[in-house]
Amino acid sequence: AHHGKNYFVTGSFETPRAGSWHALFAADFRNRFGTQAYEIEPGVLYGITDRLDVELHAHGVSDDGAFHAEAIAVESRFSLFGQSSGSDREIKEEHTRRGMALLLEFEKGLSNQPDAYEARAIFGTERGDCQLAGNLIWQQAFDEERSHGIRYALGVKRTLSASLDIGVELDGAFDRLSAARFTPGMFVSAGEQLDLKVGASLRMGSLSDDPIIRLALVYGLN
């Protein structure tokens, strides 16, 4: 499907077609010190042009049974190259496709959370039934320490059938390489309309930690 939301934590270079709308929903579930906690992220994605999109989303968190809104955010992605206006079948038949995009996000903190910025350089390639994406991420939080960091995310997927992909992602901070997370997942598509993602994240340096169960949904509105 043409929306570019191909992974859980790794950005992909493809943007939605001009004039198209997509409803987004993601949820993370975990046990934290024996207490169930979850985070939800509803949003909407719009293709301004074939190379430029805008997304609005919110973050909500529940800890100890109390739910609160944590942030609202706006982000925009610009595809430098690699877009294709062809059908999914035509794209698959191309020998190799490469792309690059830039992403900027501003997050307005709520419930005493700081505001934050994020910028990403997104790279990707597709060859036959395989996809590979890499992100270089800069983050800046406007808290008392003005904390900032440089992170990375890598994702690889393989198409098993017209409606099913499997993949794995790796993400973390360059100054804490031993604490990287890996996220295997399944990706189910129902044509151009609906995409469902199910996966689990584990920390490389502490596999005894409870996993984060991840669910995500992308639904084409037109």
N, C-alpha and C. Protein backbone atom coordinates (compact mmCIF):
# COMPACT_ATOMS: atom_id res chain seq x y z
N ALA A 1 0.84 -1.19 0.00
CA ALA A 1 0.00 0.00 0.00
C ALA A 1 0.88 1.24 0.00
N HIS A 2 0.36 2.32 -0.57
CA HIS A 2 1.17 3.52 -0.76
C HIS A 2 0.95 4.51 0.39
N HIS A 3 1.59 4.27 1.53
CA HIS A 3 1.50 5.20 2.64
C HIS A 3 2.85 5.40 3.31
N GLY A 4 3.81 4.51 3.12
CA GLY A 4 5.13 4.67 3.71
C GLY A 4 5.23 4.25 5.16
N LYS A 5 4.14 3.78 5.76
CA LYS A 5 4.16 3.30 7.15
C LYS A 5 4.43 1.79 7.13
N ASN A 6 5.63 1.43 6.72
CA ASN A 6 5.91 0.03 6.43
C ASN A 6 6.46 -0.75 7.62
N TYR A 7 6.85 -0.06 8.70
CA TYR A 7 7.48 -0.71 9.86
C TYR A 7 6.86 -0.18 11.15
N PHE A 8 7.37 -0.67 12.28
CA PHE A 8 6.92 -0.18 13.58
C PHE A 8 7.67 1.09 13.99
N VAL A 9 9.01 1.02 14.01
CA VAL A 9 9.82 2.15 14.50
C VAL A 9 10.73 2.72 13.42
N THR A 10 10.86 2.06 12.29
CA THR A 10 11.73 2.50 11.21
C THR A 10 10.91 3.23 10.16
N GLY A 11 11.33 4.45 9.81
CA GLY A 11 10.65 5.19 8.76
C GLY A 11 11.02 4.66 7.39
N SER A 12 10.10 4.76 6.44
CA SER A 12 10.35 4.35 5.06
C SER A 12 10.20 5.55 4.13
N PHE A 13 10.86 5.48 2.97
CA PHE A 13 11.00 6.67 2.13
C PHE A 13 9.75 6.99 1.34
N GLU A 14 8.85 6.03 1.15
CA GLU A 14 7.68 6.27 0.31
C GLU A 14 6.65 7.12 1.03
N THR A 15 6.04 8.06 0.32
CA THR A 15 4.99 8.92 0.87
C THR A 15 3.66 8.58 0.19
N PRO A 16 2.54 8.91 0.84
CA PRO A 16 1.24 8.60 0.22
C PRO A 16 0.99 9.46 -1.02
N ARG A 17 0.10 9.00 -1.86
CA ARG A 17 -0.24 9.73 -3.07
C ARG A 17 -0.95 11.03 -2.73
N ALA A 18 -0.79 12.02 -3.61
CA ALA A 18 -1.40 13.33 -3.39
C ALA A 18 -2.91 13.19 -3.21
N GLY A 19 -3.44 13.84 -2.17
CA GLY A 19 -4.88 13.83 -1.92
C GLY A 19 -5.39 12.65 -1.14
N SER A 20 -4.53 11.69 -0.80
CA SER A 20 -4.99 10.50 -0.08
C SER A 20 -4.91 10.72 1.43
N TRP A 21 -5.88 10.14 2.13
CA TRP A 21 -5.96 10.20 3.60
C TRP A 21 -5.82 8.79 4.16
N HIS A 22 -5.11 8.69 5.30
CA HIS A 22 -5.00 7.41 6.00
C HIS A 22 -5.21 7.64 7.50
N ALA A 23 -6.02 6.79 8.09
CA ALA A 23 -6.18 6.78 9.55
C ALA A 23 -5.13 5.84 10.13
N LEU A 24 -4.49 6.28 11.22
CA LEU A 24 -3.41 5.53 11.85
C LEU A 24 -3.78 5.20 13.30
N PHE A 25 -3.37 4.04 13.74
CA PHE A 25 -3.53 3.69 15.15
C PHE A 25 -2.43 2.71 15.53
N ALA A 26 -1.75 2.99 16.63
CA ALA A 26 -0.72 2.10 17.15
C ALA A 26 -0.92 1.95 18.65
N ALA A 27 -0.55 0.78 19.16
CA ALA A 27 -0.66 0.52 20.60
C ALA A 27 0.50 -0.36 21.04
N ASP A 28 1.08 -0.03 22.19
CA ASP A 28 2.14 -0.82 22.83
C ASP A 28 1.64 -1.30 24.18
N PHE A 29 1.87 -2.58 24.48
CA PHE A 29 1.44 -3.16 25.75
C PHE A 29 2.67 -3.78 26.43
N ARG A 30 2.76 -3.61 27.76
CA ARG A 30 3.88 -4.20 28.50
C ARG A 30 3.49 -4.39 29.96
N ASN A 31 4.25 -5.27 30.62
CA ASN A 31 4.18 -5.40 32.07
C ASN A 31 5.35 -4.65 32.67
N ARG A 32 5.09 -3.67 33.50
CA ARG A 32 6.13 -2.87 34.11
C ARG A 32 6.09 -3.09 35.62
N PHE A 33 7.08 -3.81 36.13
CA PHE A 33 7.14 -4.14 37.56
C PHE A 33 5.85 -4.81 38.03
N GLY A 34 5.36 -5.74 37.18
CA GLY A 34 4.16 -6.48 37.53
C GLY A 34 2.87 -5.76 37.25
N THR A 35 2.93 -4.53 36.75
CA THR A 35 1.73 -3.75 36.45
C THR A 35 1.60 -3.57 34.95
N GLN A 36 0.43 -3.81 34.43
CA GLN A 36 0.20 -3.64 33.01
C GLN A 36 0.17 -2.16 32.65
N ALA A 37 0.82 -1.82 31.56
CA ALA A 37 0.83 -0.45 31.07
C ALA A 37 0.67 -0.49 29.55
N TYR A 38 0.10 0.56 29.01
CA TYR A 38 -0.04 0.61 27.56
C TYR A 38 0.08 2.05 27.08
N GLU A 39 0.43 2.19 25.81
CA GLU A 39 0.51 3.49 25.16
C GLU A 39 -0.22 3.40 23.83
N ILE A 40 -1.03 4.40 23.52
CA ILE A 40 -1.73 4.43 22.25
C ILE A 40 -1.32 5.67 21.46
N GLU A 41 -1.39 5.54 20.13
CA GLU A 41 -1.00 6.64 19.26
C GLU A 41 -1.95 6.70 18.07
N PRO A 42 -3.08 7.41 18.20
CA PRO A 42 -3.96 7.60 17.05
C PRO A 42 -3.46 8.76 16.20
N GLY A 43 -3.75 8.71 14.90
CA GLY A 43 -3.29 9.80 14.05
C GLY A 43 -3.96 9.77 12.69
N VAL A 44 -3.64 10.76 11.87
CA VAL A 44 -4.15 10.85 10.52
C VAL A 44 -3.01 11.32 9.62
N LEU A 45 -2.92 10.76 8.41
CA LEU A 45 -1.84 11.03 7.47
C LEU A 45 -2.46 11.52 6.16
N TYR A 46 -1.88 12.60 5.59
CA TYR A 46 -2.41 13.18 4.35
C TYR A 46 -1.28 13.41 3.36
N GLY A 47 -1.49 13.01 2.11
CA GLY A 47 -0.52 13.26 1.06
C GLY A 47 -0.76 14.62 0.41
N ILE A 48 0.11 15.57 0.68
CA ILE A 48 -0.03 16.91 0.11
C ILE A 48 0.31 16.88 -1.38
N THR A 49 1.44 16.30 -1.71
CA THR A 49 1.81 15.99 -3.09
C THR A 49 2.29 14.54 -3.10
N ASP A 50 2.74 14.07 -4.26
CA ASP A 50 3.26 12.70 -4.32
C ASP A 50 4.58 12.55 -3.57
N ARG A 51 5.21 13.66 -3.20
CA ARG A 51 6.49 13.60 -2.49
C ARG A 51 6.45 14.21 -1.09
N LEU A 52 5.37 14.82 -0.70
CA LEU A 52 5.29 15.52 0.59
C LEU A 52 4.02 15.13 1.32
N ASP A 53 4.16 14.76 2.60
CA ASP A 53 2.99 14.44 3.40
C ASP A 53 3.02 15.20 4.72
N VAL A 54 1.92 15.14 5.44
CA VAL A 54 1.83 15.71 6.78
C VAL A 54 1.03 14.73 7.64
N GLU A 55 1.45 14.60 8.90
CA GLU A 55 0.80 13.66 9.83
C GLU A 55 0.55 14.36 11.15
N LEU A 56 -0.62 14.16 11.69
CA LEU A 56 -0.97 14.62 13.04
C LEU A 56 -1.25 13.38 13.88
N HIS A 57 -0.64 13.31 15.08
CA HIS A 57 -0.93 12.19 15.97
C HIS A 57 -0.79 12.62 17.42
N ALA A 58 -1.30 11.78 18.29
CA ALA A 58 -1.27 12.04 19.73
C ALA A 58 -0.71 10.82 20.45
N HIS A 59 -0.17 11.04 21.64
CA HIS A 59 0.34 9.97 22.49
C HIS A 59 -0.46 9.95 23.79
N GLY A 60 -1.00 8.79 24.12
CA GLY A 60 -1.68 8.60 25.39
C GLY A 60 -1.08 7.42 26.13
N VAL A 61 -0.94 7.54 27.46
CA VAL A 61 -0.27 6.52 28.27
C VAL A 61 -1.14 6.15 29.46
N SER A 62 -1.15 4.86 29.78
CA SER A 62 -1.82 4.39 30.99
C SER A 62 -0.81 3.68 31.88
N ASP A 63 -0.63 4.17 33.09
CA ASP A 63 0.19 3.54 34.11
C ASP A 63 -0.63 3.42 35.39
N ASP A 64 -0.59 2.24 36.02
CA ASP A 64 -1.32 2.02 37.27
C ASP A 64 -2.81 2.33 37.12
N GLY A 65 -3.35 2.06 35.92
CA GLY A 65 -4.78 2.26 35.71
C GLY A 65 -5.19 3.68 35.41
N ALA A 66 -4.26 4.64 35.45
CA ALA A 66 -4.59 6.04 35.18
C ALA A 66 -4.12 6.41 33.78
N PHE A 67 -5.05 6.90 32.98
CA PHE A 67 -4.72 7.27 31.60
C PHE A 67 -4.53 8.78 31.51
N HIS A 68 -3.51 9.20 30.76
CA HIS A 68 -3.32 10.64 30.53
C HIS A 68 -2.72 10.85 29.14
N ALA A 69 -3.07 12.00 28.55
CA ALA A 69 -2.48 12.40 27.27
C ALA A 69 -1.07 12.91 27.52
N GLU A 70 -0.11 12.40 26.76
CA GLU A 70 1.30 12.74 26.98
C GLU A 70 1.83 13.77 25.99
N ALA A 71 1.32 13.76 24.75
CA ALA A 71 1.82 14.70 23.75
C ALA A 71 0.91 14.69 22.53
N ILE A 72 0.96 15.78 21.78
CA ILE A 72 0.40 15.84 20.45
C ILE A 72 1.54 16.24 19.52
N ALA A 73 1.52 15.77 18.27
CA ALA A 73 2.67 15.98 17.41
C ALA A 73 2.22 16.20 15.97
N VAL A 74 3.03 16.94 15.24
CA VAL A 74 2.87 17.10 13.80
C VAL A 74 4.21 16.75 13.15
N GLU A 75 4.16 15.98 12.08
CA GLU A 75 5.38 15.63 11.37
C GLU A 75 5.13 15.71 9.87
N SER A 76 6.21 15.89 9.14
CA SER A 76 6.13 15.97 7.69
C SER A 76 7.32 15.24 7.09
N ARG A 77 7.06 14.54 5.98
CA ARG A 77 8.09 13.76 5.31
C ARG A 77 8.17 14.20 3.86
N PHE A 78 9.39 14.41 3.38
CA PHE A 78 9.61 14.80 1.99
C PHE A 78 10.50 13.76 1.32
N SER A 79 9.98 13.16 0.25
CA SER A 79 10.73 12.13 -0.47
C SER A 79 11.62 12.80 -1.51
N LEU A 80 12.93 12.62 -1.35
CA LEU A 80 13.88 13.23 -2.28
C LEU A 80 13.93 12.48 -3.60
N PHE A 81 13.89 11.16 -3.54
CA PHE A 81 13.79 10.34 -4.74
C PHE A 81 13.34 8.95 -4.34
N GLY A 82 12.90 8.18 -5.35
CA GLY A 82 12.48 6.81 -5.09
C GLY A 82 11.00 6.60 -5.17
N GLN A 83 10.22 7.68 -5.39
CA GLN A 83 8.78 7.52 -5.49
C GLN A 83 8.42 6.79 -6.78
N SER A 84 7.25 6.16 -6.79
CA SER A 84 6.75 5.50 -7.99
C SER A 84 5.25 5.65 -8.03
N SER A 85 4.73 6.07 -9.19
CA SER A 85 3.28 6.23 -9.34
C SER A 85 2.62 4.98 -9.91
N GLY A 86 3.41 3.93 -10.11
CA GLY A 86 2.88 2.69 -10.67
C GLY A 86 2.11 1.88 -9.65
N SER A 87 1.55 0.78 -10.11
CA SER A 87 0.82 -0.12 -9.22
C SER A 87 1.80 -0.93 -8.39
N ASP A 88 1.29 -1.60 -7.35
CA ASP A 88 2.13 -2.47 -6.52
C ASP A 88 2.77 -3.56 -7.37
N ARG A 89 2.03 -4.11 -8.33
CA ARG A 89 2.58 -5.16 -9.19
C ARG A 89 3.74 -4.63 -10.02
N GLU A 90 3.58 -3.40 -10.58
CA GLU A 90 4.65 -2.81 -11.39
C GLU A 90 5.88 -2.53 -10.54
N ILE A 91 5.66 -2.08 -9.29
CA ILE A 91 6.78 -1.81 -8.40
C ILE A 91 7.56 -3.09 -8.11
N LYS A 92 6.85 -4.18 -7.84
CA LYS A 92 7.49 -5.46 -7.55
C LYS A 92 8.35 -5.94 -8.72
N GLU A 93 7.89 -5.61 -9.95
CA GLU A 93 8.58 -6.10 -11.12
C GLU A 93 9.82 -5.29 -11.45
N GLU A 94 9.99 -4.10 -10.83
CA GLU A 94 11.21 -3.34 -11.05
C GLU A 94 12.39 -4.11 -10.48
N HIS A 95 13.53 -4.00 -11.13
CA HIS A 95 14.70 -4.77 -10.70
C HIS A 95 15.14 -4.34 -9.30
N THR A 96 15.43 -3.08 -9.13
CA THR A 96 15.80 -2.53 -7.84
C THR A 96 15.29 -1.11 -7.74
N ARG A 97 14.75 -0.74 -6.58
CA ARG A 97 14.29 0.62 -6.35
C ARG A 97 14.95 1.14 -5.08
N ARG A 98 15.50 2.34 -5.15
CA ARG A 98 16.12 2.97 -3.99
C ARG A 98 15.45 4.31 -3.74
N GLY A 99 15.48 4.74 -2.49
CA GLY A 99 14.86 6.01 -2.17
C GLY A 99 15.46 6.65 -0.94
N MET A 100 15.19 7.95 -0.80
CA MET A 100 15.65 8.72 0.36
C MET A 100 14.60 9.77 0.69
N ALA A 101 14.36 9.98 1.97
CA ALA A 101 13.41 10.98 2.43
C ALA A 101 13.94 11.66 3.68
N LEU A 102 13.41 12.85 3.94
CA LEU A 102 13.71 13.60 5.16
C LEU A 102 12.43 13.78 5.95
N LEU A 103 12.51 13.66 7.28
CA LEU A 103 11.35 13.79 8.15
C LEU A 103 11.66 14.80 9.26
N LEU A 104 10.69 15.67 9.53
CA LEU A 104 10.77 16.61 10.65
C LEU A 104 9.52 16.45 11.50
N GLU A 105 9.69 16.45 12.82
CA GLU A 105 8.56 16.31 13.74
C GLU A 105 8.71 17.28 14.91
N PHE A 106 7.59 17.90 15.27
CA PHE A 106 7.52 18.69 16.49
C PHE A 106 6.47 18.07 17.41
N GLU A 107 6.85 17.85 18.66
CA GLU A 107 5.97 17.22 19.64
C GLU A 107 5.73 18.19 20.78
N LYS A 108 4.46 18.52 21.02
CA LYS A 108 4.07 19.39 22.12
C LYS A 108 3.75 18.55 23.33
N GLY A 109 4.58 18.66 24.37
CA GLY A 109 4.39 17.85 25.55
C GLY A 109 3.20 18.28 26.38
N LEU A 110 2.49 17.31 26.92
CA LEU A 110 1.37 17.53 27.84
C LEU A 110 1.66 16.81 29.14
N SER A 111 0.86 17.08 30.17
CA SER A 111 1.02 16.40 31.46
C SER A 111 2.45 16.48 31.97
N ASN A 112 3.02 17.70 31.92
CA ASN A 112 4.38 17.99 32.41
C ASN A 112 5.48 17.35 31.58
N GLN A 113 5.16 16.87 30.38
CA GLN A 113 6.18 16.34 29.49
C GLN A 113 6.78 17.48 28.67
N PRO A 114 8.09 17.43 28.36
CA PRO A 114 8.72 18.53 27.62
C PRO A 114 8.37 18.48 26.14
N ASP A 115 8.46 19.64 25.50
CA ASP A 115 8.37 19.68 24.04
C ASP A 115 9.61 19.00 23.46
N ALA A 116 9.50 18.56 22.20
CA ALA A 116 10.63 17.87 21.59
C ALA A 116 10.58 18.03 20.07
N TYR A 117 11.76 17.96 19.47
CA TYR A 117 11.92 17.93 18.02
C TYR A 117 12.59 16.63 17.62
N GLU A 118 12.32 16.22 16.38
CA GLU A 118 13.01 15.05 15.82
C GLU A 118 13.23 15.28 14.33
N ALA A 119 14.39 14.89 13.86
CA ALA A 119 14.70 14.93 12.43
C ALA A 119 15.27 13.58 12.02
N ARG A 120 14.87 13.10 10.85
CA ARG A 120 15.35 11.81 10.35
C ARG A 120 15.81 11.92 8.90
N ALA A 121 16.90 11.25 8.61
CA ALA A 121 17.28 10.95 7.23
C ALA A 121 16.93 9.48 7.00
N ILE A 122 16.10 9.23 6.01
CA ILE A 122 15.56 7.90 5.77
C ILE A 122 16.09 7.37 4.44
N PHE A 123 16.65 6.19 4.48
CA PHE A 123 17.17 5.54 3.28
C PHE A 123 16.48 4.19 3.11
N GLY A 124 16.32 3.75 1.88
CA GLY A 124 15.69 2.46 1.67
C GLY A 124 15.97 1.89 0.30
N THR A 125 15.79 0.59 0.19
CA THR A 125 15.92 -0.09 -1.09
C THR A 125 14.95 -1.26 -1.14
N GLU A 126 14.47 -1.56 -2.32
CA GLU A 126 13.58 -2.68 -2.53
C GLU A 126 14.09 -3.46 -3.73
N ARG A 127 14.16 -4.77 -3.58
CA ARG A 127 14.60 -5.64 -4.68
C ARG A 127 13.75 -6.91 -4.63
N GLY A 128 12.93 -7.09 -5.62
CA GLY A 128 12.06 -8.26 -5.63
C GLY A 128 11.14 -8.28 -4.42
N ASP A 129 11.22 -9.35 -3.63
CA ASP A 129 10.35 -9.51 -2.46
C ASP A 129 11.00 -9.00 -1.17
N CYS A 130 12.14 -8.34 -1.25
CA CYS A 130 12.87 -7.88 -0.06
C CYS A 130 12.89 -6.35 0.02
N GLN A 131 12.75 -5.84 1.23
CA GLN A 131 12.84 -4.40 1.49
C GLN A 131 13.83 -4.17 2.63
N LEU A 132 14.57 -3.09 2.53
CA LEU A 132 15.53 -2.71 3.57
C LEU A 132 15.43 -1.21 3.78
N ALA A 133 15.39 -0.77 5.05
CA ALA A 133 15.31 0.65 5.37
C ALA A 133 16.26 0.97 6.51
N GLY A 134 16.84 2.16 6.48
CA GLY A 134 17.70 2.64 7.55
C GLY A 134 17.41 4.10 7.86
N ASN A 135 17.43 4.45 9.15
CA ASN A 135 17.17 5.82 9.60
C ASN A 135 18.31 6.32 10.47
N LEU A 136 18.72 7.57 10.24
CA LEU A 136 19.61 8.29 11.14
C LEU A 136 18.77 9.37 11.79
N ILE A 137 18.69 9.36 13.14
CA ILE A 137 17.69 10.14 13.87
C ILE A 137 18.37 11.09 14.84
N TRP A 138 17.98 12.36 14.81
CA TRP A 138 18.43 13.35 15.79
C TRP A 138 17.23 13.78 16.61
N GLN A 139 17.35 13.75 17.94
CA GLN A 139 16.26 14.12 18.84
C GLN A 139 16.71 15.18 19.82
N GLN A 140 15.83 16.14 20.08
CA GLN A 140 16.10 17.22 21.02
C GLN A 140 14.88 17.43 21.90
N ALA A 141 15.04 17.31 23.21
CA ALA A 141 13.96 17.57 24.17
C ALA A 141 14.23 18.88 24.88
N PHE A 142 13.18 19.66 25.11
CA PHE A 142 13.33 20.95 25.76
C PHE A 142 12.98 20.83 27.24
N ASP A 143 13.70 19.94 27.91
CA ASP A 143 13.58 19.80 29.36
C ASP A 143 14.67 20.64 30.02
N GLU A 144 14.83 20.50 31.33
CA GLU A 144 15.82 21.30 32.04
C GLU A 144 17.24 21.02 31.56
N GLU A 145 17.52 19.78 31.20
CA GLU A 145 18.87 19.42 30.75
C GLU A 145 19.08 19.65 29.25
N ARG A 146 18.01 20.07 28.54
CA ARG A 146 18.10 20.21 27.08
C ARG A 146 18.68 18.94 26.46
N SER A 147 18.19 17.81 26.91
CA SER A 147 18.76 16.53 26.48
C SER A 147 18.55 16.31 24.99
N HIS A 148 19.55 15.69 24.37
CA HIS A 148 19.48 15.39 22.95
C HIS A 148 20.27 14.11 22.70
N GLY A 149 20.08 13.54 21.53
CA GLY A 149 20.78 12.30 21.21
C GLY A 149 20.64 11.96 19.75
N ILE A 150 21.51 11.07 19.30
CA ILE A 150 21.48 10.57 17.94
C ILE A 150 21.18 9.08 18.00
N ARG A 151 20.17 8.66 17.27
CA ARG A 151 19.72 7.28 17.28
C ARG A 151 19.74 6.70 15.87
N TYR A 152 19.45 5.43 15.78
CA TYR A 152 19.39 4.75 14.50
C TYR A 152 18.22 3.77 14.52
N ALA A 153 17.75 3.41 13.35
CA ALA A 153 16.74 2.36 13.21
C ALA A 153 16.98 1.66 11.88
N LEU A 154 16.90 0.34 11.90
CA LEU A 154 17.10 -0.48 10.71
C LEU A 154 15.93 -1.47 10.61
N GLY A 155 15.44 -1.66 9.41
CA GLY A 155 14.35 -2.60 9.21
C GLY A 155 14.53 -3.39 7.94
N VAL A 156 14.15 -4.67 7.97
CA VAL A 156 14.20 -5.53 6.79
C VAL A 156 12.91 -6.34 6.75
N LYS A 157 12.35 -6.48 5.55
CA LYS A 157 11.10 -7.23 5.37
C LYS A 157 11.22 -8.15 4.16
N ARG A 158 10.47 -9.23 4.21
CA ARG A 158 10.39 -10.14 3.06
C ARG A 158 8.93 -10.49 2.82
N THR A 159 8.52 -10.40 1.58
CA THR A 159 7.16 -10.72 1.19
C THR A 159 7.02 -12.23 1.00
N LEU A 160 6.06 -12.82 1.73
CA LEU A 160 5.79 -14.25 1.61
C LEU A 160 4.63 -14.54 0.67
N SER A 161 3.66 -13.62 0.61
CA SER A 161 2.52 -13.78 -0.28
C SER A 161 1.97 -12.39 -0.58
N ALA A 162 0.90 -12.34 -1.35
CA ALA A 162 0.31 -11.04 -1.72
C ALA A 162 -0.20 -10.27 -0.51
N SER A 163 -0.47 -10.97 0.59
CA SER A 163 -1.05 -10.31 1.75
C SER A 163 -0.21 -10.44 3.02
N LEU A 164 0.95 -11.08 2.98
CA LEU A 164 1.71 -11.33 4.20
C LEU A 164 3.20 -11.06 3.99
N ASP A 165 3.75 -10.22 4.88
CA ASP A 165 5.19 -9.99 4.97
C ASP A 165 5.66 -10.36 6.38
N ILE A 166 6.94 -10.71 6.50
CA ILE A 166 7.57 -10.84 7.81
C ILE A 166 8.78 -9.92 7.82
N GLY A 167 9.18 -9.48 9.02
CA GLY A 167 10.32 -8.57 9.09
C GLY A 167 10.89 -8.49 10.48
N VAL A 168 11.98 -7.76 10.60
CA VAL A 168 12.61 -7.52 11.89
C VAL A 168 13.23 -6.13 11.85
N GLU A 169 13.22 -5.45 13.00
CA GLU A 169 13.80 -4.12 13.11
C GLU A 169 14.79 -4.09 14.28
N LEU A 170 15.75 -3.19 14.17
CA LEU A 170 16.73 -2.96 15.22
C LEU A 170 16.83 -1.46 15.41
N ASP A 171 16.69 -0.98 16.66
CA ASP A 171 16.79 0.46 16.90
C ASP A 171 17.44 0.72 18.25
N GLY A 172 18.10 1.88 18.37
CA GLY A 172 18.76 2.23 19.62
C GLY A 172 19.53 3.53 19.48
N ALA A 173 20.30 3.85 20.53
CA ALA A 173 21.12 5.05 20.58
C ALA A 173 22.57 4.67 20.35
N PHE A 174 23.30 5.54 19.66
CA PHE A 174 24.70 5.24 19.35
C PHE A 174 25.56 5.21 20.61
N ASP A 175 25.16 5.92 21.67
CA ASP A 175 25.96 5.92 22.89
C ASP A 175 25.57 4.79 23.84
N ARG A 176 24.59 3.96 23.45
CA ARG A 176 24.19 2.80 24.26
C ARG A 176 23.88 1.63 23.34
N LEU A 177 24.88 1.19 22.62
CA LEU A 177 24.67 0.15 21.62
C LEU A 177 24.21 -1.17 22.23
N SER A 178 24.64 -1.44 23.46
CA SER A 178 24.28 -2.72 24.09
C SER A 178 22.81 -2.76 24.50
N ALA A 179 22.13 -1.61 24.50
CA ALA A 179 20.73 -1.55 24.92
C ALA A 179 19.78 -1.45 23.74
N ALA A 180 20.22 -1.88 22.56
CA ALA A 180 19.38 -1.82 21.37
C ALA A 180 18.17 -2.74 21.52
N ARG A 181 17.11 -2.42 20.81
CA ARG A 181 15.91 -3.25 20.78
C ARG A 181 15.77 -3.90 19.41
N PHE A 182 15.33 -5.16 19.40
CA PHE A 182 14.98 -5.76 18.13
C PHE A 182 13.51 -6.14 18.16
N THR A 183 12.86 -5.97 17.01
CA THR A 183 11.41 -6.13 16.92
C THR A 183 11.04 -7.00 15.72
N PRO A 184 10.81 -8.29 15.92
CA PRO A 184 10.27 -9.11 14.84
C PRO A 184 8.78 -8.86 14.71
N GLY A 185 8.26 -8.99 13.49
CA GLY A 185 6.84 -8.74 13.31
C GLY A 185 6.28 -9.37 12.05
N MET A 186 4.95 -9.41 11.99
CA MET A 186 4.19 -9.84 10.82
C MET A 186 3.38 -8.66 10.31
N PHE A 187 3.25 -8.58 8.99
CA PHE A 187 2.59 -7.45 8.34
C PHE A 187 1.55 -8.01 7.37
N VAL A 188 0.29 -7.75 7.65
CA VAL A 188 -0.81 -8.30 6.86
C VAL A 188 -1.49 -7.16 6.10
N SER A 189 -1.69 -7.35 4.80
CA SER A 189 -2.32 -6.34 3.95
C SER A 189 -3.61 -6.87 3.36
N ALA A 190 -4.60 -5.97 3.28
CA ALA A 190 -5.86 -6.26 2.59
C ALA A 190 -5.98 -5.27 1.44
N GLY A 191 -5.24 -5.52 0.38
CA GLY A 191 -5.24 -4.63 -0.78
C GLY A 191 -4.63 -3.29 -0.44
N GLU A 192 -5.18 -2.24 -1.03
CA GLU A 192 -4.70 -0.88 -0.82
C GLU A 192 -5.36 -0.23 0.40
N GLN A 193 -6.33 -0.89 1.02
CA GLN A 193 -7.16 -0.26 2.03
C GLN A 193 -6.63 -0.42 3.46
N LEU A 194 -6.19 -1.60 3.81
CA LEU A 194 -5.92 -1.91 5.22
C LEU A 194 -4.60 -2.63 5.38
N ASP A 195 -3.80 -2.18 6.36
CA ASP A 195 -2.56 -2.85 6.74
C ASP A 195 -2.56 -3.04 8.25
N LEU A 196 -2.24 -4.26 8.70
CA LEU A 196 -2.18 -4.60 10.12
C LEU A 196 -0.79 -5.12 10.44
N LYS A 197 -0.19 -4.61 11.51
CA LYS A 197 1.15 -5.02 11.93
C LYS A 197 1.08 -5.53 13.37
N VAL A 198 1.72 -6.68 13.61
CA VAL A 198 1.77 -7.29 14.95
C VAL A 198 3.21 -7.70 15.21
N GLY A 199 3.77 -7.29 16.36
CA GLY A 199 5.15 -7.63 16.68
C GLY A 199 5.44 -7.52 18.16
N ALA A 200 6.69 -7.75 18.53
CA ALA A 200 7.14 -7.66 19.92
C ALA A 200 8.57 -7.15 19.95
N SER A 201 8.86 -6.23 20.89
CA SER A 201 10.19 -5.65 21.03
C SER A 201 10.88 -6.18 22.27
N LEU A 202 12.16 -6.54 22.12
CA LEU A 202 13.00 -7.01 23.23
C LEU A 202 14.30 -6.22 23.23
N ARG A 203 14.86 -6.01 24.43
CA ARG A 203 16.15 -5.34 24.54
C ARG A 203 17.27 -6.35 24.40
N MET A 204 18.26 -6.02 23.57
CA MET A 204 19.37 -6.94 23.32
C MET A 204 20.16 -7.22 24.60
N GLY A 205 20.38 -6.19 25.41
CA GLY A 205 21.21 -6.35 26.59
C GLY A 205 20.50 -6.91 27.80
N SER A 206 19.17 -7.09 27.70
CA SER A 206 18.41 -7.57 28.85
C SER A 206 17.21 -8.35 28.35
N LEU A 207 17.46 -9.55 27.82
CA LEU A 207 16.39 -10.34 27.24
C LEU A 207 15.40 -10.84 28.29
N SER A 208 15.75 -10.71 29.59
CA SER A 208 14.82 -11.12 30.63
C SER A 208 13.71 -10.10 30.85
N ASP A 209 13.87 -8.86 30.31
CA ASP A 209 12.82 -7.86 30.45
C ASP A 209 11.56 -8.34 29.73
N ASP A 210 10.41 -7.90 30.25
CA ASP A 210 9.15 -8.22 29.60
C ASP A 210 9.11 -7.56 28.23
N PRO A 211 8.67 -8.27 27.19
CA PRO A 211 8.62 -7.68 25.85
C PRO A 211 7.53 -6.62 25.74
N ILE A 212 7.69 -5.74 24.79
CA ILE A 212 6.65 -4.78 24.43
C ILE A 212 5.87 -5.38 23.26
N ILE A 213 4.60 -5.62 23.44
CA ILE A 213 3.75 -6.14 22.37
C ILE A 213 3.26 -4.95 21.56
N ARG A 214 3.48 -4.99 20.25
CA ARG A 214 3.15 -3.86 19.39
C ARG A 214 2.07 -4.25 18.38
N LEU A 215 1.08 -3.38 18.26
CA LEU A 215 0.03 -3.49 17.27
C LEU A 215 -0.07 -2.17 16.52
N ALA A 216 -0.28 -2.22 15.22
CA ALA A 216 -0.43 -0.99 14.44
C ALA A 216 -1.36 -1.24 13.28
N LEU A 217 -2.11 -0.20 12.93
CA LEU A 217 -3.13 -0.29 11.89
C LEU A 217 -3.05 0.94 11.01
N VAL A 218 -3.09 0.73 9.69
CA VAL A 218 -3.17 1.83 8.73
C VAL A 218 -4.38 1.55 7.83
N TYR A 219 -5.29 2.52 7.76
CA TYR A 219 -6.53 2.33 7.01
C TYR A 219 -6.69 3.47 6.01
N GLY A 220 -6.78 3.14 4.72
CA GLY A 220 -6.97 4.14 3.69
C GLY A 220 -8.40 4.65 3.67
N LEU A 221 -8.56 5.97 3.78
CA LEU A 221 -9.89 6.56 3.85
C LEU A 221 -10.46 6.92 2.49
N ASN A 222 -9.62 6.94 1.46
CA ASN A 222 -10.12 7.22 0.11
C ASN A 222 -9.26 6.53 -0.93
